[in-house]
């Protein structure tokens, strides 16, 4: 019995300190849980931003591919037109007459630098 009384006296002296420690630990747990919830919310926001940026990137890649096809088509058409003009210049006796007519008719309407 003496032994039990001695243990109870020791426990009684440490009880306020243990209660205080328990209260502090519970406060720390609440604080850490709040931080965790905040970090989870931030992580979800970043995931959403990554998804939006990924969709934007995919859209820009698609637009670039479309523009590449348009550019290739325009380059092909320009080459065809240049070949036609070259063929016309080299093989048609009427070309110099047409060129002179256009110069006489339309040159006065435009600045000289445009036809240099």
C-alpha atoms as a PDB file:
ATOM      1  CA  UNK A   1       0.000   0.000   0.000  1.00  0.00           C
ATOM      2  CA  UNK A   2       2.837   2.324   0.787  1.00  0.00           C
ATOM      3  CA  UNK A   3       4.155   1.801  -2.679  1.00  0.00           C
ATOM      4  CA  UNK A   4       0.802   2.825  -4.240  1.00  0.00           C
ATOM      5  CA  UNK A   5       0.618   5.970  -2.126  1.00  0.00           C
ATOM      6  CA  UNK A   6       4.125   6.961  -3.218  1.00  0.00           C
ATOM      7  CA  UNK A   7       3.256   6.431  -6.912  1.00  0.00           C
ATOM      8  CA  UNK A   8       0.060   8.478  -6.553  1.00  0.00           C
ATOM      9  CA  UNK A   9       1.995  11.355  -4.962  1.00  0.00           C
ATOM     10  CA  UNK A  10       4.483  11.316  -7.851  1.00  0.00           C
ATOM     11  CA  UNK A  11       1.675  11.166 -10.401  1.00  0.00           C
ATOM     12  CA  UNK A  12      -0.191  13.946  -8.630  1.00  0.00           C
ATOM     13  CA  UNK A  13       2.853  16.221  -8.855  1.00  0.00           C
ATOM     14  CA  UNK A  14       3.353  15.492 -12.571  1.00  0.00           C
ATOM     15  CA  UNK A  15      -0.332  15.623 -13.495  1.00  0.00           C
ATOM     16  CA  UNK A  16      -0.493  19.406 -14.184  1.00  0.00           C
ATOM     17  CA  UNK A  17       2.686  19.184 -16.272  1.00  0.00           C
ATOM     18  CA  UNK A  18       1.316  16.189 -18.213  1.00  0.00           C
ATOM     19  CA  UNK A  19      -2.048  17.910 -18.750  1.00  0.00           C
ATOM     20  CA  UNK A  20      -0.242  20.979 -20.063  1.00  0.00           C
ATOM     21  CA  UNK A  21       1.896  18.839 -22.378  1.00  0.00           C
ATOM     22  CA  UNK A  22      -1.194  17.003 -23.610  1.00  0.00           C
ATOM     23  CA  UNK A  23      -2.960  20.322 -24.324  1.00  0.00           C
ATOM     24  CA  UNK A  24       0.103  21.615 -26.222  1.00  0.00           C
ATOM     25  CA  UNK A  25       0.365  18.431 -28.258  1.00  0.00           C
ATOM     26  CA  UNK A  26      -3.334  18.582 -29.165  1.00  0.00           C
ATOM     27  CA  UNK A  27      -2.862  22.215 -30.261  1.00  0.00           C
ATOM     28  CA  UNK A  28       0.085  21.212 -32.420  1.00  0.00           C
ATOM     29  CA  UNK A  29      -1.965  18.401 -33.990  1.00  0.00           C
ATOM     30  CA  UNK A  30      -4.789  20.863 -34.850  1.00  0.00           C
ATOM     31  CA  UNK A  31      -2.286  23.307 -36.315  1.00  0.00           C
ATOM     32  CA  UNK A  32      -0.648  20.587 -38.428  1.00  0.00           C
ATOM     33  CA  UNK A  33      -4.052  19.369 -39.652  1.00  0.00           C
ATOM     34  CA  UNK A  34      -4.953  22.930 -40.720  1.00  0.00           C
ATOM     35  CA  UNK A  35      -1.636  23.262 -42.545  1.00  0.00           C
ATOM     36  CA  UNK A  36      -2.209  19.912 -44.227  1.00  0.00           C
ATOM     37  CA  UNK A  37      -5.690  20.980 -45.411  1.00  0.00           C
ATOM     38  CA  UNK A  38      -4.272  24.245 -46.731  1.00  0.00           C
ATOM     39  CA  UNK A  39      -1.481  22.418 -48.573  1.00  0.00           C
ATOM     40  CA  UNK A  40      -3.972  19.960 -50.077  1.00  0.00           C
ATOM     41  CA  UNK A  41      -6.072  22.906 -51.306  1.00  0.00           C
ATOM     42  CA  UNK A  42      -2.991  24.569 -52.813  1.00  0.00           C
ATOM     43  CA  UNK A  43      -1.977  21.292 -54.457  1.00  0.00           C
ATOM     44  CA  UNK A  44      -5.432  20.989 -56.078  1.00  0.00           C
ATOM     45  CA  UNK A  45      -5.172  24.565 -57.353  1.00  0.00           C
ATOM     46  CA  UNK A  46      -1.778  23.778 -58.905  1.00  0.00           C
ATOM     47  CA  UNK A  47      -3.143  20.600 -60.475  1.00  0.00           C
ATOM     48  CA  UNK A  48      -5.961  22.633 -62.025  1.00  0.00           C
ATOM     49  CA  UNK A  49      -3.481  25.179 -63.360  1.00  0.00           C
ATOM     50  CA  UNK A  50      -1.329  22.418 -64.833  1.00  0.00           C
ATOM     51  CA  UNK A  51      -4.401  20.933 -66.544  1.00  0.00           C
ATOM     52  CA  UNK A  52      -5.406  24.321 -67.988  1.00  0.00           C
ATOM     53  CA  UNK A  53      -1.864  25.000 -69.190  1.00  0.00           C
ATOM     54  CA  UNK A  54      -1.681  21.523 -70.717  1.00  0.00           C
ATOM     55  CA  UNK A  55      -4.882  22.107 -72.673  1.00  0.00           C
ATOM     56  CA  UNK A  56      -3.599  25.529 -73.811  1.00  0.00           C
ATOM     57  CA  UNK A  57      -0.327  23.986 -74.921  1.00  0.00           C
ATOM     58  CA  UNK A  58      -2.141  21.263 -76.876  1.00  0.00           C
ATOM     59  CA  UNK A  59      -4.338  23.899 -78.516  1.00  0.00           C
ATOM     60  CA  UNK A  60      -1.321  26.019 -79.523  1.00  0.00           C
ATOM     61  CA  UNK A  61       0.414  22.940 -80.922  1.00  0.00           C
ATOM     62  CA  UNK A  62      -2.669  22.177 -83.017  1.00  0.00           C
ATOM     63  CA  UNK A  63      -2.827  25.791 -84.245  1.00  0.00           C
ATOM     64  CA  UNK A  64       0.882  25.707 -85.138  1.00  0.00           C
ATOM     65  CA  UNK A  65       0.395  22.508 -87.115  1.00  0.00           C
ATOM     66  CA  UNK A  66      -2.502  24.076 -89.003  1.00  0.00           C
ATOM     67  CA  UNK A  67      -0.398  27.166 -89.768  1.00  0.00           C
ATOM     68  CA  UNK A  68       2.473  24.960 -90.977  1.00  0.00           C
ATOM     69  CA  UNK A  69       0.110  23.260 -93.439  1.00  0.00           C
ATOM     70  CA  UNK A  70      -1.205  26.632 -94.632  1.00  0.00           C
ATOM     71  CA  UNK A  71       2.341  27.945 -95.053  1.00  0.00           C
ATOM     72  CA  UNK A  72       3.420  24.864 -96.999  1.00  0.00           C
ATOM     73  CA  UNK A  73       0.358  25.230 -99.238  1.00  0.00           C
ATOM     74  CA  UNK A  74       1.091  28.927 -99.864  1.00  0.00           C
ATOM     75  CA  UNK A  75       4.741  28.156-100.639  1.00  0.00           C
ATOM     76  CA  UNK A  76       3.652  25.475-103.105  1.00  0.00           C
ATOM     77  CA  UNK A  77       1.213  27.892-104.777  1.00  0.00           C
ATOM     78  CA  UNK A  78       3.899  30.617-104.948  1.00  0.00           C
ATOM     79  CA  UNK A  79       6.340  28.209-106.614  1.00  0.00           C
ATOM     80  CA  UNK A  80       3.678  27.167-109.125  1.00  0.00           C
ATOM     81  CA  UNK A  81       2.903  30.817-109.878  1.00  0.00           C
ATOM     82  CA  UNK A  82       6.606  31.635-110.276  1.00  0.00           C
ATOM     83  CA  UNK A  83       7.032  28.696-112.644  1.00  0.00           C
ATOM     84  CA  UNK A  84       4.038  29.856-114.680  1.00  0.00           C
ATOM     85  CA  UNK A  85       5.358  33.425-114.888  1.00  0.00           C
ATOM     86  CA  UNK A  86       8.824  32.186-115.809  1.00  0.00           C
ATOM     87  CA  UNK A  87       7.396  29.955-118.502  1.00  0.00           C
ATOM     88  CA  UNK A  88       5.247  32.831-119.755  1.00  0.00           C
ATOM     89  CA  UNK A  89       8.214  35.262-119.778  1.00  0.00           C
ATOM     90  CA  UNK A  90      10.480  32.865-121.650  1.00  0.00           C
ATOM     91  CA  UNK A  91       8.067  31.331-124.141  1.00  0.00           C
ATOM     92  CA  UNK A  92       5.507  33.960-125.043  1.00  0.00           C
ATOM     93  CA  UNK A  93       6.141  36.654-127.620  1.00  0.00           C
ATOM     94  CA  UNK A  94       3.226  38.682-126.308  1.00  0.00           C
ATOM     95  CA  UNK A  95       4.722  39.038-122.788  1.00  0.00           C
ATOM     96  CA  UNK A  96       6.818  42.164-123.516  1.00  0.00           C
ATOM     97  CA  UNK A  97       3.767  43.864-125.070  1.00  0.00           C
ATOM     98  CA  UNK A  98       1.596  43.029-122.067  1.00  0.00           C
ATOM     99  CA  UNK A  99       4.313  44.173-119.644  1.00  0.00           C
ATOM    100  CA  UNK A 100       4.726  47.497-121.438  1.00  0.00           C
ATOM    101  CA  UNK A 101       0.973  48.023-121.544  1.00  0.00           C
ATOM    102  CA  UNK A 102       0.684  47.447-117.798  1.00  0.00           C
ATOM    103  CA  UNK A 103       3.605  49.779-117.088  1.00  0.00           C
ATOM    104  CA  UNK A 104       2.075  52.524-119.210  1.00  0.00           C
ATOM    105  CA  UNK A 105      -1.414  52.068-117.816  1.00  0.00           C
ATOM    106  CA  UNK A 106      -0.741  51.482-114.103  1.00  0.00           C
ATOM    107  CA  UNK A 107       2.733  52.834-113.289  1.00  0.00           C
ATOM    108  CA  UNK A 108       1.480  56.425-113.029  1.00  0.00           C
ATOM    109  CA  UNK A 109      -0.997  55.283-110.318  1.00  0.00           C
ATOM    110  CA  UNK A 110       1.683  53.907-107.956  1.00  0.00           C
ATOM    111  CA  UNK A 111       4.907  55.276-106.480  1.00  0.00           C
ATOM    112  CA  UNK A 112       7.986  54.469-108.546  1.00  0.00           C
ATOM    113  CA  UNK A 113       9.588  52.565-105.621  1.00  0.00           C
ATOM    114  CA  UNK A 114       6.845  49.914-105.791  1.00  0.00           C
ATOM    115  CA  UNK A 115       7.901  48.744-109.284  1.00  0.00           C
ATOM    116  CA  UNK A 116      11.662  49.090-108.956  1.00  0.00           C
END
